[in-house]
């Protein structure tokens, strides 16, 4: 509950090379093509309501997770009545 209330649910990484990770290992951000698209902003949009334009921006991201696409489309439909 505290995690959701704070909208700090974490971040997501794509694995480039399989292997092992342990405490203290360093990692490097290689690419961030959508710097505005953060987990925090997505949570804020879904849990606190938000701007239709921002939802549409998320939906324009190629290969955006299908579960989030369904959720955002449903949210837009509920708010606007448009499918």
C-alpha atoms as a PDB file:
ATOM      1  CA  UNK A   1       0.000   0.000   0.000  1.00  0.00           C
ATOM      2  CA  UNK A   2       2.778   2.466   0.859  1.00  0.00           C
ATOM      3  CA  UNK A   3       4.485   1.667  -2.419  1.00  0.00           C
ATOM      4  CA  UNK A   4       1.341   2.430  -4.418  1.00  0.00           C
ATOM      5  CA  UNK A   5       0.522   5.531  -2.337  1.00  0.00           C
ATOM      6  CA  UNK A   6       4.009   6.903  -3.033  1.00  0.00           C
ATOM      7  CA  UNK A   7       3.803   5.797  -6.707  1.00  0.00           C
ATOM      8  CA  UNK A   8       7.316   4.365  -6.323  1.00  0.00           C
ATOM      9  CA  UNK A   9       6.914   0.857  -7.666  1.00  0.00           C
ATOM     10  CA  UNK A  10      10.396   0.516  -9.135  1.00  0.00           C
ATOM     11  CA  UNK A  11      11.957   0.597 -12.543  1.00  0.00           C
ATOM     12  CA  UNK A  12      12.345  -1.895 -15.348  1.00  0.00           C
ATOM     13  CA  UNK A  13      15.425  -3.047 -17.215  1.00  0.00           C
ATOM     14  CA  UNK A  14      15.919  -5.042 -20.372  1.00  0.00           C
ATOM     15  CA  UNK A  15      18.472  -7.844 -20.052  1.00  0.00           C
ATOM     16  CA  UNK A  16      21.128  -7.589 -22.761  1.00  0.00           C
ATOM     17  CA  UNK A  17      23.336 -10.477 -21.628  1.00  0.00           C
ATOM     18  CA  UNK A  18      22.291 -13.342 -19.385  1.00  0.00           C
ATOM     19  CA  UNK A  19      24.329 -13.714 -16.226  1.00  0.00           C
ATOM     20  CA  UNK A  20      24.364 -13.093 -12.518  1.00  0.00           C
ATOM     21  CA  UNK A  21      23.992  -9.846 -10.593  1.00  0.00           C
ATOM     22  CA  UNK A  22      24.886  -9.316  -6.977  1.00  0.00           C
ATOM     23  CA  UNK A  23      24.902  -6.476  -4.486  1.00  0.00           C
ATOM     24  CA  UNK A  24      27.548  -3.912  -5.346  1.00  0.00           C
ATOM     25  CA  UNK A  25      27.613  -4.665  -9.088  1.00  0.00           C
ATOM     26  CA  UNK A  26      27.487  -1.603 -11.308  1.00  0.00           C
ATOM     27  CA  UNK A  27      25.097  -1.135 -14.188  1.00  0.00           C
ATOM     28  CA  UNK A  28      24.897   1.458 -16.916  1.00  0.00           C
ATOM     29  CA  UNK A  29      21.936   3.144 -18.577  1.00  0.00           C
ATOM     30  CA  UNK A  30      22.596   2.582 -22.276  1.00  0.00           C
ATOM     31  CA  UNK A  31      19.537   4.186 -23.823  1.00  0.00           C
ATOM     32  CA  UNK A  32      16.489   6.149 -22.690  1.00  0.00           C
ATOM     33  CA  UNK A  33      14.457   6.924 -25.815  1.00  0.00           C
ATOM     34  CA  UNK A  34      11.433   8.204 -23.865  1.00  0.00           C
ATOM     35  CA  UNK A  35      12.835  10.125 -20.864  1.00  0.00           C
ATOM     36  CA  UNK A  36       9.356  11.451 -20.004  1.00  0.00           C
ATOM     37  CA  UNK A  37       8.002   7.876 -19.733  1.00  0.00           C
ATOM     38  CA  UNK A  38       8.776   6.959 -16.152  1.00  0.00           C
ATOM     39  CA  UNK A  39       7.198   4.319 -13.937  1.00  0.00           C
ATOM     40  CA  UNK A  40       6.256   7.136 -11.552  1.00  0.00           C
ATOM     41  CA  UNK A  41       4.457   9.117 -14.286  1.00  0.00           C
ATOM     42  CA  UNK A  42       2.639   5.998 -15.498  1.00  0.00           C
ATOM     43  CA  UNK A  43       1.518   5.160 -11.955  1.00  0.00           C
ATOM     44  CA  UNK A  44       0.389   8.739 -11.391  1.00  0.00           C
ATOM     45  CA  UNK A  45      -1.621   8.605 -14.605  1.00  0.00           C
ATOM     46  CA  UNK A  46      -3.278   5.301 -13.701  1.00  0.00           C
ATOM     47  CA  UNK A  47      -3.836   5.762  -9.967  1.00  0.00           C
ATOM     48  CA  UNK A  48      -4.436   9.493  -9.644  1.00  0.00           C
ATOM     49  CA  UNK A  49      -5.869  10.337 -13.008  1.00  0.00           C
ATOM     50  CA  UNK A  50      -4.161  12.452 -15.519  1.00  0.00           C
ATOM     51  CA  UNK A  51      -3.924  13.981 -18.845  1.00  0.00           C
ATOM     52  CA  UNK A  52      -5.387  12.276 -21.916  1.00  0.00           C
ATOM     53  CA  UNK A  53      -2.462  13.503 -24.024  1.00  0.00           C
ATOM     54  CA  UNK A  54       0.027  11.765 -21.709  1.00  0.00           C
ATOM     55  CA  UNK A  55      -1.927   8.498 -21.942  1.00  0.00           C
ATOM     56  CA  UNK A  56      -1.843   8.815 -25.727  1.00  0.00           C
ATOM     57  CA  UNK A  57       1.924   9.412 -25.603  1.00  0.00           C
ATOM     58  CA  UNK A  58       2.403   6.163 -23.687  1.00  0.00           C
ATOM     59  CA  UNK A  59       0.211   4.359 -26.215  1.00  0.00           C
ATOM     60  CA  UNK A  60       2.439   5.645 -29.036  1.00  0.00           C
ATOM     61  CA  UNK A  61       5.521   3.848 -27.640  1.00  0.00           C
ATOM     62  CA  UNK A  62       6.392   0.924 -29.932  1.00  0.00           C
ATOM     63  CA  UNK A  63       6.250  -2.448 -28.162  1.00  0.00           C
ATOM     64  CA  UNK A  64       4.668  -0.957 -25.045  1.00  0.00           C
ATOM     65  CA  UNK A  65       3.583  -3.792 -22.753  1.00  0.00           C
ATOM     66  CA  UNK A  66       0.200  -5.145 -23.939  1.00  0.00           C
ATOM     67  CA  UNK A  67      -1.195  -5.192 -20.396  1.00  0.00           C
ATOM     68  CA  UNK A  68      -0.511  -1.480 -19.988  1.00  0.00           C
ATOM     69  CA  UNK A  69      -1.973  -0.770 -23.442  1.00  0.00           C
ATOM     70  CA  UNK A  70      -5.241  -2.452 -22.433  1.00  0.00           C
ATOM     71  CA  UNK A  71      -5.293  -0.608 -19.113  1.00  0.00           C
ATOM     72  CA  UNK A  72      -4.629   2.816 -20.657  1.00  0.00           C
ATOM     73  CA  UNK A  73      -7.181   2.304 -23.434  1.00  0.00           C
ATOM     74  CA  UNK A  74      -9.785   1.266 -20.869  1.00  0.00           C
ATOM     75  CA  UNK A  75      -8.936   4.296 -18.732  1.00  0.00           C
ATOM     76  CA  UNK A  76      -9.291   6.624 -21.737  1.00  0.00           C
ATOM     77  CA  UNK A  77     -12.594   5.046 -22.696  1.00  0.00           C
ATOM     78  CA  UNK A  78     -13.925   5.408 -19.145  1.00  0.00           C
ATOM     79  CA  UNK A  79     -12.904   9.078 -19.024  1.00  0.00           C
ATOM     80  CA  UNK A  80     -13.868  10.135 -22.527  1.00  0.00           C
ATOM     81  CA  UNK A  81     -16.432   7.586 -23.659  1.00  0.00           C
ATOM     82  CA  UNK A  82     -14.326   7.085 -26.794  1.00  0.00           C
ATOM     83  CA  UNK A  83     -12.845   3.713 -27.691  1.00  0.00           C
END
